[in-house]
Amino acid sequence: MFKFLKNKPTEKDIEIANLKKELENCKFLINRNDTMFNMSTDENLIAAQIYEREALRWQYCYLLNQLREKEEFSTEKNEIKIGE
């Protein structure tokens, strides 16, 4: 079976690429937060890092779910199958 994909990126392809960039940025922020948490000694700053970590974790989960939804619909519509 052969699969041909469209050459021109669709709006969904662009949205998927943007979501992947946002996920990478969120990963960077999570890693930075971990570093800052490990270096902190003030209890107020530690508490702030914990809250920030939780917020970033929820943001990451949201972005990941959005990406899964978009990729699921994108692959179904962009493929043209020939032969069995």
PDB file of N, CA and C in Angstrom:
ATOM      1  N   MET A   1       0.846  -1.170   0.000  1.00  0.00           N
ATOM      2  CA  MET A   1       0.000   0.000   0.000  1.00  0.00           C
ATOM      3  C   MET A   1       0.898   1.241   0.000  1.00  0.00           C
ATOM      4  N   PHE A   2       0.552   2.203  -0.832  1.00  0.00           N
ATOM      5  CA  PHE A   2       1.314   3.442  -0.946  1.00  0.00           C
ATOM      6  C   PHE A   2       0.554   4.566  -0.254  1.00  0.00           C
ATOM      7  N   LYS A   3       1.296   5.474   0.356  1.00  0.00           N
ATOM      8  CA  LYS A   3       0.693   6.649   0.991  1.00  0.00           C
ATOM      9  C   LYS A   3       1.331   7.892   0.414  1.00  0.00           C
ATOM     10  N   PHE A   4       0.520   8.810  -0.008  1.00  0.00           N
ATOM     11  CA  PHE A   4       1.013  10.086  -0.511  1.00  0.00           C
ATOM     12  C   PHE A   4       0.504  11.187   0.396  1.00  0.00           C
ATOM     13  N   LEU A   5       1.392  12.060   0.815  1.00  0.00           N
ATOM     14  CA  LEU A   5       1.016  13.178   1.676  1.00  0.00           C
ATOM     15  C   LEU A   5       1.017  14.455   0.867  1.00  0.00           C
ATOM     16  N   LYS A   6       0.153  15.365   1.225  1.00  0.00           N
ATOM     17  CA  LYS A   6       0.117  16.665   0.564  1.00  0.00           C
ATOM     18  C   LYS A   6       1.413  17.418   0.832  1.00  0.00           C
ATOM     19  N   ASN A   7       1.938  18.118  -0.179  1.00  0.00           N
ATOM     20  CA  ASN A   7       3.186  18.865  -0.027  1.00  0.00           C
ATOM     21  C   ASN A   7       2.976  20.182   0.706  1.00  0.00           C
ATOM     22  N   LYS A   8       1.896  20.872   0.408  1.00  0.00           N
ATOM     23  CA  LYS A   8       1.646  22.172   1.006  1.00  0.00           C
ATOM     24  C   LYS A   8       1.138  21.992   2.442  1.00  0.00           C
ATOM     25  N   PRO A   9       1.802  22.653   3.395  1.00  0.00           N
ATOM     26  CA  PRO A   9       1.331  22.504   4.787  1.00  0.00           C
ATOM     27  C   PRO A   9      -0.045  23.137   4.966  1.00  0.00           C
ATOM     28  N   THR A  10      -0.899  22.406   5.631  1.00  0.00           N
ATOM     29  CA  THR A  10      -2.245  22.906   5.896  1.00  0.00           C
ATOM     30  C   THR A  10      -2.238  23.732   7.178  1.00  0.00           C
ATOM     31  N   GLU A  11      -3.369  24.312   7.468  1.00  0.00           N
ATOM     32  CA  GLU A  11      -3.501  25.094   8.705  1.00  0.00           C
ATOM     33  C   GLU A  11      -3.273  24.203   9.922  1.00  0.00           C
ATOM     34  N   LYS A  12      -3.771  22.967   9.850  1.00  0.00           N
ATOM     35  CA  LYS A  12      -3.568  22.027  10.958  1.00  0.00           C
ATOM     36  C   LYS A  12      -2.093  21.677  11.120  1.00  0.00           C
ATOM     37  N   ASP A  13      -1.362  21.523  10.000  1.00  0.00           N
ATOM     38  CA  ASP A  13       0.074  21.244  10.075  1.00  0.00           C
ATOM     39  C   ASP A  13       0.807  22.386  10.779  1.00  0.00           C
ATOM     40  N   ILE A  14       0.407  23.599  10.472  1.00  0.00           N
ATOM     41  CA  ILE A  14       1.022  24.773  11.103  1.00  0.00           C
ATOM     42  C   ILE A  14       0.690  24.796  12.593  1.00  0.00           C
ATOM     43  N   GLU A  15      -0.567  24.475  12.939  1.00  0.00           N
ATOM     44  CA  GLU A  15      -0.965  24.426  14.347  1.00  0.00           C
ATOM     45  C   GLU A  15      -0.175  23.357  15.096  1.00  0.00           C
ATOM     46  N   ILE A  16       0.035  22.208  14.459  1.00  0.00           N
ATOM     47  CA  ILE A  16       0.802  21.127  15.076  1.00  0.00           C
ATOM     48  C   ILE A  16       2.235  21.573  15.325  1.00  0.00           C
ATOM     49  N   ALA A  17       2.845  22.227  14.340  1.00  0.00           N
ATOM     50  CA  ALA A  17       4.215  22.717  14.488  1.00  0.00           C
ATOM     51  C   ALA A  17       4.304  23.734  15.627  1.00  0.00           C
ATOM     52  N   ASN A  18       3.315  24.614  15.721  1.00  0.00           N
ATOM     53  CA  ASN A  18       3.303  25.614  16.802  1.00  0.00           C
ATOM     54  C   ASN A  18       3.144  24.948  18.174  1.00  0.00           C
ATOM     55  N   LEU A  19       2.290  23.929  18.245  1.00  0.00           N
ATOM     56  CA  LEU A  19       2.112  23.219  19.512  1.00  0.00           C
ATOM     57  C   LEU A  19       3.399  22.507  19.924  1.00  0.00           C
ATOM     58  N   LYS A  20       4.109  21.946  18.956  1.00  0.00           N
ATOM     59  CA  LYS A  20       5.382  21.284  19.271  1.00  0.00           C
ATOM     60  C   LYS A  20       6.404  22.286  19.804  1.00  0.00           C
ATOM     61  N   LYS A  21       6.424  23.490  19.217  1.00  0.00           N
ATOM     62  CA  LYS A  21       7.331  24.532  19.712  1.00  0.00           C
ATOM     63  C   LYS A  21       6.956  24.941  21.131  1.00  0.00           C
ATOM     64  N   GLU A  22       5.662  25.074  21.389  1.00  0.00           N
ATOM     65  CA  GLU A  22       5.210  25.445  22.736  1.00  0.00           C
ATOM     66  C   GLU A  22       5.561  24.353  23.747  1.00  0.00           C
ATOM     67  N   LEU A  23       5.442  23.085  23.335  1.00  0.00           N
ATOM     68  CA  LEU A  23       5.814  21.984  24.221  1.00  0.00           C
ATOM     69  C   LEU A  23       7.301  22.017  24.548  1.00  0.00           C
ATOM     70  N   GLU A  24       8.128  22.274  23.542  1.00  0.00           N
ATOM     71  CA  GLU A  24       9.573  22.365  23.777  1.00  0.00           C
ATOM     72  C   GLU A  24       9.895  23.517  24.725  1.00  0.00           C
ATOM     73  N   ASN A  25       9.227  24.637  24.543  1.00  0.00           N
ATOM     74  CA  ASN A  25       9.436  25.783  25.434  1.00  0.00           C
ATOM     75  C   ASN A  25       8.996  25.445  26.861  1.00  0.00           C
ATOM     76  N   CYS A  26       7.878  24.748  26.980  1.00  0.00           N
ATOM     77  CA  CYS A  26       7.389  24.358  28.300  1.00  0.00           C
ATOM     78  C   CYS A  26       8.378  23.406  28.977  1.00  0.00           C
ATOM     79  N   LYS A  27       8.956  22.467  28.225  1.00  0.00           N
ATOM     80  CA  LYS A  27       9.977  21.568  28.775  1.00  0.00           C
ATOM     81  C   LYS A  27      11.175  22.359  29.282  1.00  0.00           C
ATOM     82  N   PHE A  28      11.595  23.357  28.504  1.00  0.00           N
ATOM     83  CA  PHE A  28      12.708  24.204  28.917  1.00  0.00           C
ATOM     84  C   PHE A  28      12.389  24.899  30.234  1.00  0.00           C
ATOM     85  N   LEU A  29      11.180  25.456  30.347  1.00  0.00           N
ATOM     86  CA  LEU A  29      10.783  26.161  31.573  1.00  0.00           C
ATOM     87  C   LEU A  29      10.709  25.213  32.764  1.00  0.00           C
ATOM     88  N   ILE A  30      10.266  23.985  32.540  1.00  0.00           N
ATOM     89  CA  ILE A  30      10.216  22.995  33.618  1.00  0.00           C
ATOM     90  C   ILE A  30      11.632  22.669  34.092  1.00  0.00           C
ATOM     91  N   ASN A  31      12.543  22.474  33.147  1.00  0.00           N
ATOM     92  CA  ASN A  31      13.940  22.190  33.519  1.00  0.00           C
ATOM     93  C   ASN A  31      14.570  23.374  34.254  1.00  0.00           C
ATOM     94  N   ARG A  32      14.264  24.583  33.800  1.00  0.00           N
ATOM     95  CA  ARG A  32      14.784  25.774  34.483  1.00  0.00           C
ATOM     96  C   ARG A  32      14.221  25.874  35.894  1.00  0.00           C
ATOM     97  N   ASN A  33      12.945  25.578  36.027  1.00  0.00           N
ATOM     98  CA  ASN A  33      12.304  25.595  37.344  1.00  0.00           C
ATOM     99  C   ASN A  33      12.964  24.590  38.281  1.00  0.00           C
ATOM    100  N   ASP A  34      13.255  23.387  37.776  1.00  0.00           N
ATOM    101  CA  ASP A  34      13.919  22.373  38.601  1.00  0.00           C
ATOM    102  C   ASP A  34      15.286  22.858  39.068  1.00  0.00           C
ATOM    103  N   THR A  35      16.021  23.487  38.167  1.00  0.00           N
ATOM    104  CA  THR A  35      17.342  24.008  38.516  1.00  0.00           C
ATOM    105  C   THR A  35      17.235  25.074  39.595  1.00  0.00           C
ATOM    106  N   MET A  36      16.310  26.007  39.414  1.00  0.00           N
ATOM    107  CA  MET A  36      16.131  27.083  40.390  1.00  0.00           C
ATOM    108  C   MET A  36      15.661  26.526  41.739  1.00  0.00           C
ATOM    109  N   PHE A  37      14.783  25.520  41.695  1.00  0.00           N
ATOM    110  CA  PHE A  37      14.306  24.893  42.929  1.00  0.00           C
ATOM    111  C   PHE A  37      15.471  24.273  43.694  1.00  0.00           C
ATOM    112  N   ASN A  38      16.340  23.581  42.987  1.00  0.00           N
ATOM    113  CA  ASN A  38      17.483  22.916  43.627  1.00  0.00           C
ATOM    114  C   ASN A  38      18.499  23.910  44.191  1.00  0.00           C
ATOM    115  N   MET A  39      18.530  25.116  43.640  1.00  0.00           N
ATOM    116  CA  MET A  39      19.486  26.125  44.097  1.00  0.00           C
ATOM    117  C   MET A  39      18.915  27.028  45.190  1.00  0.00           C
ATOM    118  N   SER A  40      17.613  26.990  45.396  1.00  0.00           N
ATOM    119  CA  SER A  40      16.963  27.905  46.338  1.00  0.00           C
ATOM    120  C   SER A  40      17.177  27.477  47.784  1.00  0.00           C
ATOM    121  N   THR A  41      17.313  28.492  48.639  1.00  0.00           N
ATOM    122  CA  THR A  41      17.442  28.232  50.072  1.00  0.00           C
ATOM    123  C   THR A  41      16.344  28.927  50.868  1.00  0.00           C
ATOM    124  N   ASP A  42      15.764  29.981  50.314  1.00  0.00           N
ATOM    125  CA  ASP A  42      14.705  30.723  51.002  1.00  0.00           C
ATOM    126  C   ASP A  42      13.390  29.960  50.879  1.00  0.00           C
ATOM    127  N   GLU A  43      12.687  29.778  52.000  1.00  0.00           N
ATOM    128  CA  GLU A  43      11.466  28.972  51.976  1.00  0.00           C
ATOM    129  C   GLU A  43      10.349  29.610  51.140  1.00  0.00           C
ATOM    130  N   ASN A  44      10.301  30.936  51.081  1.00  0.00           N
ATOM    131  CA  ASN A  44       9.295  31.586  50.238  1.00  0.00           C
ATOM    132  C   ASN A  44       9.578  31.343  48.756  1.00  0.00           C
ATOM    133  N   LEU A  45      10.831  31.395  48.387  1.00  0.00           N
ATOM    134  CA  LEU A  45      11.221  31.142  46.998  1.00  0.00           C
ATOM    135  C   LEU A  45      10.975  29.678  46.634  1.00  0.00           C
ATOM    136  N   ILE A  46      11.235  28.782  47.563  1.00  0.00           N
ATOM    137  CA  ILE A  46      10.977  27.360  47.326  1.00  0.00           C
ATOM    138  C   ILE A  46       9.487  27.125  47.089  1.00  0.00           C
ATOM    139  N   ALA A  47       8.643  27.758  47.913  1.00  0.00           N
ATOM    140  CA  ALA A  47       7.190  27.626  47.740  1.00  0.00           C
ATOM    141  C   ALA A  47       6.757  28.150  46.375  1.00  0.00           C
ATOM    142  N   ALA A  48       7.318  29.272  45.954  1.00  0.00           N
ATOM    143  CA  ALA A  48       6.985  29.841  44.653  1.00  0.00           C
ATOM    144  C   ALA A  48       7.396  28.892  43.523  1.00  0.00           C
ATOM    145  N   GLN A  49       8.558  28.251  43.674  1.00  0.00           N
ATOM    146  CA  GLN A  49       9.024  27.304  42.655  1.00  0.00           C
ATOM    147  C   GLN A  49       8.103  26.086  42.573  1.00  0.00           C
ATOM    148  N   ILE A  50       7.593  25.659  43.707  1.00  0.00           N
ATOM    149  CA  ILE A  50       6.673  24.513  43.721  1.00  0.00           C
ATOM    150  C   ILE A  50       5.389  24.861  42.980  1.00  0.00           C
ATOM    151  N   TYR A  51       4.831  26.036  43.248  1.00  0.00           N
ATOM    152  CA  TYR A  51       3.605  26.448  42.558  1.00  0.00           C
ATOM    153  C   TYR A  51       3.852  26.621  41.056  1.00  0.00           C
ATOM    154  N   GLU A  52       4.995  27.181  40.710  1.00  0.00           N
ATOM    155  CA  GLU A  52       5.323  27.356  39.291  1.00  0.00           C
ATOM    156  C   GLU A  52       5.472  25.998  38.611  1.00  0.00           C
ATOM    157  N   ARG A  53       6.098  25.043  39.285  1.00  0.00           N
ATOM    158  CA  ARG A  53       6.266  23.703  38.722  1.00  0.00           C
ATOM    159  C   ARG A  53       4.909  23.066  38.428  1.00  0.00           C
ATOM    160  N   GLU A  54       3.983  23.190  39.366  1.00  0.00           N
ATOM    161  CA  GLU A  54       2.647  22.621  39.166  1.00  0.00           C
ATOM    162  C   GLU A  54       1.932  23.284  37.990  1.00  0.00           C
ATOM    163  N   ALA A  55       2.030  24.598  37.904  1.00  0.00           N
ATOM    164  CA  ALA A  55       1.402  25.316  36.789  1.00  0.00           C
ATOM    165  C   ALA A  55       1.998  24.879  35.457  1.00  0.00           C
ATOM    166  N   LEU A  56       3.304  24.736  35.404  1.00  0.00           N
ATOM    167  CA  LEU A  56       3.967  24.293  34.172  1.00  0.00           C
ATOM    168  C   LEU A  56       3.586  22.856  33.827  1.00  0.00           C
ATOM    169  N   ARG A  57       3.447  22.041  34.833  1.00  0.00           N
ATOM    170  CA  ARG A  57       3.052  20.642  34.597  1.00  0.00           C
ATOM    171  C   ARG A  57       1.658  20.561  33.978  1.00  0.00           C
ATOM    172  N   TRP A  58       0.725  21.353  34.498  1.00  0.00           N
ATOM    173  CA  TRP A  58      -0.631  21.373  33.947  1.00  0.00           C
ATOM    174  C   TRP A  58      -0.642  21.967  32.546  1.00  0.00           C
ATOM    175  N   GLN A  59       0.174  22.980  32.308  1.00  0.00           N
ATOM    176  CA  GLN A  59       0.272  23.565  30.977  1.00  0.00           C
ATOM    177  C   GLN A  59       0.819  22.535  29.995  1.00  0.00           C
ATOM    178  N   TYR A  60       1.842  21.793  30.413  1.00  0.00           N
ATOM    179  CA  TYR A  60       2.428  20.767  29.559  1.00  0.00           C
ATOM    180  C   TYR A  60       1.385  19.699  29.202  1.00  0.00           C
ATOM    181  N   CYS A  61       0.611  19.251  30.187  1.00  0.00           N
ATOM    182  CA  CYS A  61      -0.440  18.247  29.939  1.00  0.00           C
ATOM    183  C   CYS A  61      -1.479  18.768  28.957  1.00  0.00           C
ATOM    184  N   TYR A  62      -1.875  20.025  29.123  1.00  0.00           N
ATOM    185  CA  TYR A  62      -2.842  20.632  28.222  1.00  0.00           C
ATOM    186  C   TYR A  62      -2.305  20.660  26.787  1.00  0.00           C
ATOM    187  N   LEU A  63      -1.071  21.140  26.618  1.00  0.00           N
ATOM    188  CA  LEU A  63      -0.477  21.229  25.288  1.00  0.00           C
ATOM    189  C   LEU A  63      -0.324  19.852  24.656  1.00  0.00           C
ATOM    190  N   LEU A  64       0.058  18.868  25.446  1.00  0.00           N
ATOM    191  CA  LEU A  64       0.220  17.511  24.943  1.00  0.00           C
ATOM    192  C   LEU A  64      -1.115  16.939  24.461  1.00  0.00           C
ATOM    193  N   ASN A  65      -2.178  17.177  25.211  1.00  0.00           N
ATOM    194  CA  ASN A  65      -3.506  16.712  24.788  1.00  0.00           C
ATOM    195  C   ASN A  65      -3.951  17.413  23.511  1.00  0.00           C
ATOM    196  N   GLN A  66      -3.688  18.708  23.411  1.00  0.00           N
ATOM    197  CA  GLN A  66      -4.039  19.447  22.191  1.00  0.00           C
ATOM    198  C   GLN A  66      -3.281  18.883  20.993  1.00  0.00           C
ATOM    199  N   LEU A  67      -1.999  18.601  21.174  1.00  0.00           N
ATOM    200  CA  LEU A  67      -1.178  18.059  20.098  1.00  0.00           C
ATOM    201  C   LEU A  67      -1.696  16.689  19.662  1.00  0.00           C
ATOM    202  N   ARG A  68      -2.026  15.842  20.609  1.00  0.00           N
ATOM    203  CA  ARG A  68      -2.558  14.508  20.274  1.00  0.00           C
ATOM    204  C   ARG A  68      -3.834  14.611  19.460  1.00  0.00           C
ATOM    205  N   GLU A  69      -4.731  15.502  19.849  1.00  0.00           N
ATOM    206  CA  GLU A  69      -5.980  15.688  19.105  1.00  0.00           C
ATOM    207  C   GLU A  69      -5.716  16.153  17.681  1.00  0.00           C
ATOM    208  N   LYS A  70      -4.871  17.155  17.532  1.00  0.00           N
ATOM    209  CA  LYS A  70      -4.590  17.711  16.202  1.00  0.00           C
ATOM    210  C   LYS A  70      -3.897  16.685  15.310  1.00  0.00           C
ATOM    211  N   GLU A  71      -2.925  15.937  15.865  1.00  0.00           N
ATOM    212  CA  GLU A  71      -2.214  14.943  15.063  1.00  0.00           C
ATOM    213  C   GLU A  71      -3.139  13.810  14.652  1.00  0.00           C
ATOM    214  N   GLU A  72      -4.052  13.424  15.514  1.00  0.00           N
ATOM    215  CA  GLU A  72      -4.988  12.348  15.202  1.00  0.00           C
ATOM    216  C   GLU A  72      -5.854  12.728  14.007  1.00  0.00           C
ATOM    217  N   PHE A  73      -6.396  13.934  14.008  1.00  0.00           N
ATOM    218  CA  PHE A  73      -7.250  14.371  12.905  1.00  0.00           C
ATOM    219  C   PHE A  73      -6.438  14.684  11.654  1.00  0.00           C
ATOM    220  N   SER A  74      -5.229  15.158  11.822  1.00  0.00           N
ATOM    221  CA  SER A  74      -4.392  15.534  10.688  1.00  0.00           C
ATOM    222  C   SER A  74      -3.985  14.323   9.869  1.00  0.00           C
ATOM    223  N   THR A  75      -3.581  13.240  10.515  1.00  0.00           N
ATOM    224  CA  THR A  75      -3.131  12.061   9.777  1.00  0.00           C
ATOM    225  C   THR A  75      -4.287  11.381   9.067  1.00  0.00           C
ATOM    226  N   GLU A  76      -5.483  11.451   9.613  1.00  0.00           N
ATOM    227  CA  GLU A  76      -6.635  10.829   8.973  1.00  0.00           C
ATOM    228  C   GLU A  76      -6.989  11.541   7.676  1.00  0.00           C
ATOM    229  N   LYS A  77      -6.863  12.855   7.625  1.00  0.00           N
ATOM    230  CA  LYS A  77      -7.318  13.616   6.474  1.00  0.00           C
ATOM    231  C   LYS A  77      -6.244  13.825   5.402  1.00  0.00           C
ATOM    232  N   ASN A  78      -4.950  13.764   5.746  1.00  0.00           N
ATOM    233  CA  ASN A  78      -3.894  14.073   4.795  1.00  0.00           C
ATOM    234  C   ASN A  78      -3.411  12.890   3.988  1.00  0.00           C
ATOM    235  N   GLU A  79      -3.780  11.682   4.361  1.00  0.00           N
ATOM    236  CA  GLU A  79      -3.273  10.523   3.659  1.00  0.00           C
ATOM    237  C   GLU A  79      -4.257  10.074   2.577  1.00  0.00           C
ATOM    238  N   ILE A  80      -3.703   9.772   1.424  1.00  0.00           N
ATOM    239  CA  ILE A  80      -4.487   9.190   0.342  1.00  0.00           C
ATOM    240  C   ILE A  80      -3.908   7.800   0.126  1.00  0.00           C
ATOM    241  N   LYS A  81      -4.705   6.773   0.363  1.00  0.00           N
ATOM    242  CA  LYS A  81      -4.216   5.406   0.269  1.00  0.00           C
ATOM    243  C   LYS A  81      -4.553   4.828  -1.103  1.00  0.00           C
ATOM    244  N   ILE A  82      -3.557   4.157  -1.685  1.00  0.00           N
ATOM    245  CA  ILE A  82      -3.740   3.542  -2.995  1.00  0.00           C
ATOM    246  C   ILE A  82      -3.368   2.073  -2.868  1.00  0.00           C
ATOM    247  N   GLY A  83      -4.243   1.221  -3.284  1.00  0.00           N
ATOM    248  CA  GLY A  83      -3.961  -0.213  -3.279  1.00  0.00           C
ATOM    249  C   GLY A  83      -4.188  -0.840  -1.924  1.00  0.00           C
ATOM    250  N   GLU A  84      -4.260  -2.104  -1.912  1.00  0.00           N
ATOM    251  CA  GLU A  84      -4.452  -2.852  -0.678  1.00  0.00           C
ATOM    252  C   GLU A  84      -3.460  -3.980  -0.614  1.00  0.00           C
TER     253      GLU A  84
END
